[in-house]
Amino acid sequence: MNPSTLPITVAFASDDGYAPYLLVAVSSLLQHLPQKRSCSIVVMDSGISSYYKERLHEVVSHNHTQATLRFLSVDLLDEKLNEFFARRGRKGRVTKWSYTTYYRLFLSDLLPDCHRLFYLDVDILVCDDLSKVFDMDMEDKSVATVQDVCLCFNRESEVERKRLLRCGHDMSRYFNAGIMLINLDKWRRTSDFLKRVEEIFCQLPDMVYPDQDILNYMFRDDMISLEKRWNFLTPQLDNDDLTEEALQYRNTIVQQKSFGIIHYAGIKPWKDAILCPLASEWWKEARRTGVEGDIIRRELQLIRYHLMARQEAGRTSSLWLQKIIIRLKLLFAGKNSRQKLRRRLDRLECKQQKATAGKKHQLK
């Protein structure tokens, strides 16, 4: 089958917290895609609100005439992942990640009629036409990916590399799974694909990046490499302690501004526009898309929640300390004083219960 005859299918996974940043990723993708090429955008939906769903539809219709958008429910995937974790138990360490990062493992089942697709993380900015990669000859490999430059070449990552080597990974081919061109037909031809995924998840003794480690273990001999510009990891710009080859690749891409996809895998541009490399490029797209206000409003809301939580924690701590002091006084107080102290203790108990109830309500 000629890939150029297929619509470009791109899959994302997001919850409502990352939905504002997904708007920028989708906008940048469609902006660089030829209008004559049809495109299907699929979002694995982990609780995106109706507001952001409407905004995503607006972004898609505004940027491309032949693009479609649909949302896939992932409720059943969460149940399956719960089974994975239960079977793994306490064997080895699994870094705490959101379930959203594991959804890519189920794409062949979620999209039974799709032959190949791009999987993209949300914290990216597309800077070139994805059809240049989508139409490539994958040589019947399962994935086309970019080597994780930061993890493989940064001298400061030596500890993580040793842990990955102990798990059997080939660090000369270890790829970043945030951007992948996937041959779904090949995934389906792999015998008991999801069973094998589960077995690897349960057997690897110590995973640094769980879903990424699983994919690297599965496809270490079944992958093809893309140019490094198609997954340009921004943390490498903060570190010159890379190998000479890695520095040369990095500097060439930066000097020529030949980014395919910028991947903000470290500091996020919406968190710190000063310290995040290439943040100005991301904010330029946010303004062009008209979502700058959505993002600023959300970040201010998160700061407000953080400050309220700190204030509530301080108040609760103060009440707890006051109760201890009153109980100590009760040990030595006379009969009349004890009655007053007990009434005061009851009032503090009531305040603490209200504070705790209020905190639970905020979390919901």
Protein backbone atom coordinates (compact mmCIF):
# COMPACT_ATOMS: atom_id res chain seq x y z
CA MET A 1 0.00 0.00 0.00
CA ASN A 2 1.30 3.45 -0.97
CA PRO A 3 1.34 5.60 2.21
CA SER A 4 0.90 8.80 0.17
CA THR A 5 -2.66 7.65 -0.65
CA LEU A 6 -3.54 7.40 3.04
CA PRO A 7 -4.79 10.26 5.19
CA ILE A 8 -2.16 11.37 7.68
CA THR A 9 -3.37 9.99 10.99
CA VAL A 10 -1.98 11.58 14.14
CA ALA A 11 -2.76 10.34 17.65
CA PHE A 12 -2.44 12.27 20.91
CA ALA A 13 -3.33 11.37 24.49
CA SER A 14 -4.45 14.06 26.91
CA ASP A 15 -6.46 14.88 29.99
CA ASP A 16 -8.10 18.24 30.70
CA GLY A 17 -4.94 19.54 32.39
CA TYR A 18 -2.91 19.24 29.18
CA ALA A 19 -5.74 20.18 26.80
CA PRO A 20 -4.68 23.86 26.47
CA TYR A 21 -1.22 22.78 25.27
CA LEU A 22 -2.73 20.21 22.93
CA LEU A 23 -4.36 23.15 21.12
CA VAL A 24 -0.91 24.50 20.23
CA ALA A 25 0.41 21.10 19.12
CA VAL A 26 -2.58 20.49 16.83
CA SER A 27 -2.45 24.00 15.39
CA SER A 28 1.26 23.77 14.55
CA LEU A 29 0.75 20.35 12.96
CA LEU A 30 -2.03 21.53 10.66
CA GLN A 31 -0.34 24.81 9.79
CA HIS A 32 2.55 22.97 8.11
CA LEU A 33 0.46 20.31 6.37
CA PRO A 34 -0.53 20.86 2.70
CA GLN A 35 -4.21 21.71 2.42
CA LYS A 36 -4.70 19.09 -0.28
CA ARG A 37 -3.60 16.27 2.05
CA SER A 38 -6.33 14.88 4.26
CA CYS A 39 -5.55 14.47 7.93
CA SER A 40 -7.23 12.57 10.75
CA ILE A 41 -6.48 13.65 14.31
CA VAL A 42 -7.34 11.20 17.07
CA VAL A 43 -7.26 12.18 20.74
CA MET A 44 -7.26 9.49 23.40
CA ASP A 45 -9.49 11.33 25.83
CA SER A 46 -8.78 11.03 29.54
CA GLY A 47 -11.39 13.49 30.76
CA ILE A 48 -11.12 16.50 28.45
CA SER A 49 -13.88 19.02 29.18
CA SER A 50 -16.51 20.04 26.63
CA TYR A 51 -14.96 23.54 26.54
CA TYR A 52 -11.58 22.30 25.31
CA LYS A 53 -13.20 19.82 22.94
CA GLU A 54 -15.02 22.74 21.30
CA ARG A 55 -11.79 24.76 21.19
CA LEU A 56 -9.98 21.84 19.52
CA HIS A 57 -12.71 21.56 16.88
CA GLU A 58 -12.33 25.31 16.24
CA VAL A 59 -8.56 25.03 15.84
CA VAL A 60 -8.89 22.10 13.42
CA SER A 61 -11.56 23.73 11.22
CA HIS A 62 -9.70 27.06 11.20
CA ASN A 63 -6.33 25.62 10.16
CA HIS A 64 -7.12 22.91 7.64
CA THR A 65 -9.95 22.25 5.20
CA GLN A 66 -9.48 18.47 5.03
CA ALA A 67 -8.76 17.66 8.65
CA THR A 68 -11.04 15.71 10.97
CA LEU A 69 -10.98 15.33 14.74
CA ARG A 70 -12.36 12.61 16.96
CA PHE A 71 -12.05 11.62 20.61
CA LEU A 72 -11.62 8.07 21.88
CA SER A 73 -12.75 7.02 25.33
CA VAL A 74 -10.04 5.27 27.35
CA ASP A 75 -12.04 4.10 30.38
CA LEU A 76 -11.50 0.42 29.54
CA LEU A 77 -7.76 1.03 29.12
CA ASP A 78 -7.53 2.25 32.70
CA GLU A 79 -9.07 -1.03 33.86
CA LYS A 80 -6.54 -2.97 31.77
CA LEU A 81 -3.66 -0.95 33.17
CA ASN A 82 -4.88 -1.63 36.69
CA GLU A 83 -4.54 -5.33 35.88
CA PHE A 84 -0.99 -4.73 34.59
CA PHE A 85 0.04 -2.99 37.80
CA ALA A 86 -1.63 -5.61 39.97
CA ARG A 87 0.25 -8.39 38.20
CA ARG A 88 3.57 -6.56 38.41
CA GLY A 89 3.09 -5.95 42.12
CA ARG A 90 6.21 -4.65 43.84
CA LYS A 91 8.71 -6.20 41.45
CA GLY A 92 11.22 -3.46 40.70
CA ARG A 93 10.56 0.24 40.69
CA VAL A 94 8.11 1.94 38.34
CA THR A 95 8.39 5.71 38.20
CA LYS A 96 5.06 7.40 38.90
CA TRP A 97 3.54 8.53 35.61
CA SER A 98 0.01 9.32 34.56
CA TYR A 99 -1.91 6.46 32.91
CA THR A 100 -2.16 8.73 29.86
CA THR A 101 1.42 7.90 28.88
CA TYR A 102 0.56 4.19 28.52
CA TYR A 103 -2.35 4.64 26.10
CA ARG A 104 -0.07 4.55 23.05
CA LEU A 105 0.54 0.85 23.76
CA PHE A 106 -3.08 0.08 22.80
CA LEU A 107 -3.26 1.99 19.49
CA SER A 108 -3.47 -1.08 17.25
CA ASP A 109 -6.65 -2.19 19.05
CA LEU A 110 -8.12 1.30 19.41
CA LEU A 111 -7.81 2.01 15.67
CA PRO A 112 -8.43 -1.33 13.91
CA ASP A 113 -8.84 0.24 10.44
CA CYS A 114 -5.71 2.41 10.59
CA HIS A 115 -2.55 1.18 8.81
CA ARG A 116 0.03 3.65 10.08
CA LEU A 117 0.03 6.76 12.21
CA PHE A 118 2.09 9.31 14.06
CA TYR A 119 1.96 9.26 17.82
CA LEU A 120 2.90 12.67 19.27
CA ASP A 121 3.27 13.84 22.86
CA VAL A 122 1.39 17.02 23.73
CA ASP A 123 4.48 19.05 24.70
CA ILE A 124 5.64 19.55 21.12
CA LEU A 125 5.69 22.12 18.34
CA VAL A 126 5.56 20.90 14.74
CA CYS A 127 7.80 23.00 12.48
CA ASP A 128 7.68 21.11 9.18
CA ASP A 129 5.38 19.06 6.95
CA LEU A 130 4.78 15.66 8.60
CA SER A 131 3.97 14.06 5.26
CA LYS A 132 7.73 14.09 4.56
CA VAL A 133 8.06 11.41 7.21
CA PHE A 134 4.63 9.79 7.03
CA ASP A 135 5.14 8.71 3.39
CA MET A 136 8.57 7.14 3.99
CA ASP A 137 9.40 3.50 3.33
CA MET A 138 9.40 1.92 6.80
CA GLU A 139 10.96 -1.31 5.43
CA ASP A 140 8.26 -3.29 7.27
CA LYS A 141 9.60 -2.15 10.65
CA SER A 142 7.23 -1.59 13.57
CA VAL A 143 8.31 1.96 14.42
CA ALA A 144 10.32 4.87 13.03
CA THR A 145 11.83 6.90 15.84
CA VAL A 146 14.62 9.25 16.93
CA GLN A 147 17.36 8.25 19.33
CA ASP A 148 17.03 9.86 22.77
CA VAL A 149 19.98 12.25 22.44
CA CYS A 150 19.82 13.48 26.03
CA LEU A 151 19.65 10.04 27.61
CA CYS A 152 22.13 8.33 25.29
CA PHE A 153 24.82 11.01 25.02
CA ASN A 154 24.57 13.28 28.05
CA ARG A 155 27.37 12.38 30.45
CA GLU A 156 25.16 13.35 33.39
CA SER A 157 22.77 10.50 32.48
CA GLU A 158 25.34 7.79 33.24
CA VAL A 159 23.36 6.40 36.20
CA GLU A 160 20.17 6.04 34.16
CA ARG A 161 22.10 4.44 31.28
CA LYS A 162 23.56 1.81 33.62
CA ARG A 163 20.08 0.96 34.90
CA LEU A 164 18.76 0.64 31.35
CA LEU A 165 21.71 -1.53 30.33
CA ARG A 166 20.97 -3.86 33.25
CA CYS A 167 17.48 -4.32 31.80
CA GLY A 168 18.91 -5.36 28.44
CA HIS A 169 18.48 -2.13 26.47
CA ASP A 170 20.81 -1.25 23.61
CA MET A 171 21.77 2.36 24.38
CA SER A 172 23.08 2.91 20.86
CA ARG A 173 19.47 2.52 19.65
CA TYR A 174 17.40 3.63 22.65
CA PHE A 175 14.72 5.99 21.30
CA ASN A 176 12.43 8.64 22.74
CA ALA A 177 8.85 7.35 22.47
CA GLY A 178 7.22 10.78 22.56
CA ILE A 179 7.33 10.97 18.76
CA MET A 180 6.85 7.80 16.72
CA LEU A 181 5.70 6.81 13.27
CA ILE A 182 3.95 3.49 13.89
CA ASN A 183 3.30 0.66 11.47
CA LEU A 184 0.06 -0.59 12.99
CA ASP A 185 -0.25 -3.41 10.45
CA LYS A 186 3.07 -4.79 11.72
CA TRP A 187 1.93 -4.41 15.35
CA ARG A 188 -1.12 -6.53 14.53
CA ARG A 189 1.01 -9.19 12.86
CA THR A 190 3.01 -9.51 16.06
CA SER A 191 1.67 -12.56 17.83
CA ASP A 192 -0.22 -11.69 21.05
CA PHE A 193 1.04 -8.11 20.94
CA LEU A 194 -0.69 -6.86 24.11
CA LYS A 195 0.14 -10.06 25.97
CA ARG A 196 3.79 -9.48 25.17
CA VAL A 197 3.49 -5.85 26.31
CA GLU A 198 2.08 -7.04 29.62
CA GLU A 199 4.81 -9.65 30.04
CA ILE A 200 7.58 -7.11 29.47
CA PHE A 201 5.90 -4.67 31.84
CA CYS A 202 5.77 -7.32 34.55
CA GLN A 203 9.24 -8.77 33.94
CA LEU A 204 11.54 -5.76 33.53
CA PRO A 205 13.15 -5.39 36.96
CA ASP A 206 13.54 -1.63 37.11
CA MET A 207 12.02 0.76 34.57
CA VAL A 208 13.23 4.35 34.19
CA TYR A 209 10.54 5.45 31.69
CA PRO A 210 7.94 2.65 31.82
CA ASP A 211 6.08 2.80 28.50
CA GLN A 212 9.20 3.99 26.66
CA ASP A 213 11.24 1.15 28.17
CA ILE A 214 8.62 -1.39 27.07
CA LEU A 215 8.61 -0.10 23.47
CA ASN A 216 12.41 -0.01 23.33
CA TYR A 217 12.64 -3.56 24.62
CA MET A 218 10.06 -4.80 22.11
CA PHE A 219 11.35 -2.98 19.03
CA ARG A 220 15.13 -2.81 19.56
CA ASP A 221 15.58 -4.98 16.45
CA ASP A 222 12.42 -3.84 14.68
CA MET A 223 12.82 -0.11 14.17
CA ILE A 224 14.11 2.43 11.70
CA SER A 225 15.74 5.72 12.65
CA LEU A 226 14.51 9.17 11.67
CA GLU A 227 16.61 12.30 11.34
CA LYS A 228 17.22 13.86 14.75
CA ARG A 229 15.43 17.03 13.69
CA TRP A 230 12.11 15.15 13.89
CA ASN A 231 12.38 14.88 17.66
CA PHE A 232 14.55 17.78 18.76
CA LEU A 233 14.67 17.52 22.55
CA THR A 234 15.03 20.98 24.10
CA PRO A 235 17.01 19.85 27.20
CA GLN A 236 20.05 19.30 24.98
CA LEU A 237 20.27 23.07 24.48
CA ASP A 238 20.95 23.53 28.20
CA ASN A 239 23.84 21.10 28.22
CA ASP A 240 27.11 21.15 26.30
CA ASP A 241 28.27 18.03 28.13
CA LEU A 242 27.28 15.86 25.16
CA THR A 243 29.48 13.78 22.91
CA GLU A 244 31.09 15.58 19.98
CA GLU A 245 28.80 13.86 17.47
CA ALA A 246 25.66 14.85 19.41
CA LEU A 247 26.83 18.45 19.70
CA GLN A 248 27.47 18.61 15.97
CA TYR A 249 23.97 17.35 15.15
CA ARG A 250 22.42 19.78 17.62
CA ASN A 251 24.35 22.82 16.42
CA THR A 252 23.64 22.11 12.76
CA ILE A 253 19.87 21.88 13.36
CA VAL A 254 19.87 25.08 15.44
CA GLN A 255 22.01 27.07 13.01
CA GLN A 256 19.96 26.02 9.99
CA LYS A 257 16.67 26.27 11.94
CA SER A 258 15.75 22.95 10.38
CA PHE A 259 13.57 21.71 13.25
CA GLY A 260 11.04 19.10 12.23
CA ILE A 261 9.41 18.79 15.64
CA ILE A 262 10.54 20.60 18.79
CA HIS A 263 9.93 18.42 21.84
CA TYR A 264 9.80 20.32 25.14
CA ALA A 265 10.75 17.28 27.21
CA GLY A 266 12.28 19.30 30.06
CA ILE A 267 11.10 22.69 31.29
CA LYS A 268 7.77 23.52 29.65
CA PRO A 269 7.36 26.84 27.79
CA TRP A 270 4.06 27.54 29.56
CA LYS A 271 5.76 27.08 32.94
CA ASP A 272 8.88 29.20 32.40
CA ALA A 273 9.21 31.22 29.21
CA ILE A 274 12.68 32.43 30.26
CA LEU A 275 14.45 29.22 31.26
CA CYS A 276 12.77 26.97 28.67
CA PRO A 277 14.81 26.78 25.43
CA LEU A 278 12.89 27.83 22.31
CA ALA A 279 9.92 28.94 24.41
CA SER A 280 9.43 31.99 22.18
CA GLU A 281 8.66 29.70 19.22
CA TRP A 282 5.96 27.92 21.21
CA TRP A 283 4.35 31.13 22.47
CA LYS A 284 4.38 32.57 18.96
CA GLU A 285 2.19 29.64 17.85
CA ALA A 286 -0.01 30.00 20.94
CA ARG A 287 -0.68 33.64 20.01
CA ARG A 288 -1.28 32.80 16.36
CA THR A 289 -3.77 30.12 17.36
CA GLY A 290 -5.59 32.44 19.72
CA VAL A 291 -5.13 30.23 22.78
CA GLU A 292 -2.60 32.38 24.64
CA GLY A 293 -5.36 33.66 26.94
CA ASP A 294 -6.59 30.12 27.70
CA ILE A 295 -3.10 29.05 28.71
CA ILE A 296 -2.30 32.10 30.85
CA ARG A 297 -5.68 31.82 32.57
CA ARG A 298 -5.08 28.15 33.37
CA GLU A 299 -1.57 28.77 34.74
CA LEU A 300 -2.87 31.57 36.97
CA GLN A 301 -5.61 29.25 38.21
CA LEU A 302 -3.03 26.57 39.08
CA ILE A 303 -0.92 29.13 40.96
CA ARG A 304 -4.02 30.24 42.88
CA TYR A 305 -4.85 26.63 43.83
CA HIS A 306 -1.25 26.11 44.94
CA LEU A 307 -1.30 29.19 47.18
CA MET A 308 -4.68 28.22 48.65
CA ALA A 309 -3.37 24.73 49.39
CA ARG A 310 -0.32 26.15 51.16
CA GLN A 311 -2.50 28.51 53.20
CA GLU A 312 -4.86 25.67 54.14
CA ALA A 313 -1.92 23.42 55.08
CA GLY A 314 -0.54 26.14 57.35
CA ARG A 315 -3.92 26.65 58.99
CA THR A 316 -4.41 22.91 59.56
CA SER A 317 -0.91 22.60 61.03
CA SER A 318 -1.62 25.50 63.39
CA LEU A 319 -4.87 23.89 64.59
CA TRP A 320 -3.10 20.60 65.16
CA LEU A 321 -0.43 22.34 67.28
CA GLN A 322 -3.03 24.23 69.31
CA LYS A 323 -4.82 20.96 70.10
CA ILE A 324 -1.60 19.40 71.40
CA ILE A 325 -0.97 22.39 73.67
CA ILE A 326 -4.51 22.23 75.10
CA ARG A 327 -4.22 18.49 75.77
CA LEU A 328 -0.98 19.10 77.65
CA LYS A 329 -2.69 21.80 79.72
CA LEU A 330 -5.54 19.40 80.51
CA LEU A 331 -3.09 17.11 82.29
CA PHE A 332 -2.35 19.73 84.93
CA ALA A 333 -5.51 21.89 84.93
CA GLY A 334 -8.00 22.14 87.78
CA LYS A 335 -11.68 21.18 87.50
CA ASN A 336 -12.96 24.63 86.36
CA SER A 337 -10.11 25.13 83.90
CA ARG A 338 -10.66 21.67 82.41
CA GLN A 339 -14.20 22.51 81.37
CA LYS A 340 -13.04 25.66 79.56
CA LEU A 341 -10.15 23.80 77.90
CA ARG A 342 -12.44 20.99 76.73
CA ARG A 343 -14.88 23.49 75.17
CA ARG A 344 -11.97 25.16 73.43
CA LEU A 345 -10.69 21.77 72.24
CA ASP A 346 -14.15 20.95 70.83
CA ARG A 347 -14.16 24.23 68.88
CA LEU A 348 -10.72 23.46 67.45
CA GLU A 349 -11.86 19.96 66.46
CA CYS A 350 -14.83 21.49 64.65
CA LYS A 351 -12.58 23.99 62.82
CA GLN A 352 -10.20 21.24 61.77
CA GLN A 353 -13.04 19.11 60.41
CA LYS A 354 -14.30 22.05 58.35
CA ALA A 355 -10.79 22.79 57.08
CA THR A 356 -10.30 19.16 56.05
CA ALA A 357 -13.71 19.05 54.34
CA GLY A 358 -12.88 22.24 52.46
CA LYS A 359 -9.58 20.83 51.29
CA LYS A 360 -11.25 17.66 49.98
CA HIS A 361 -13.82 19.78 48.14
CA GLN A 362 -11.03 21.78 46.43
CA LEU A 363 -9.31 18.59 45.30
CA LYS A 364 -12.49 17.40 43.63
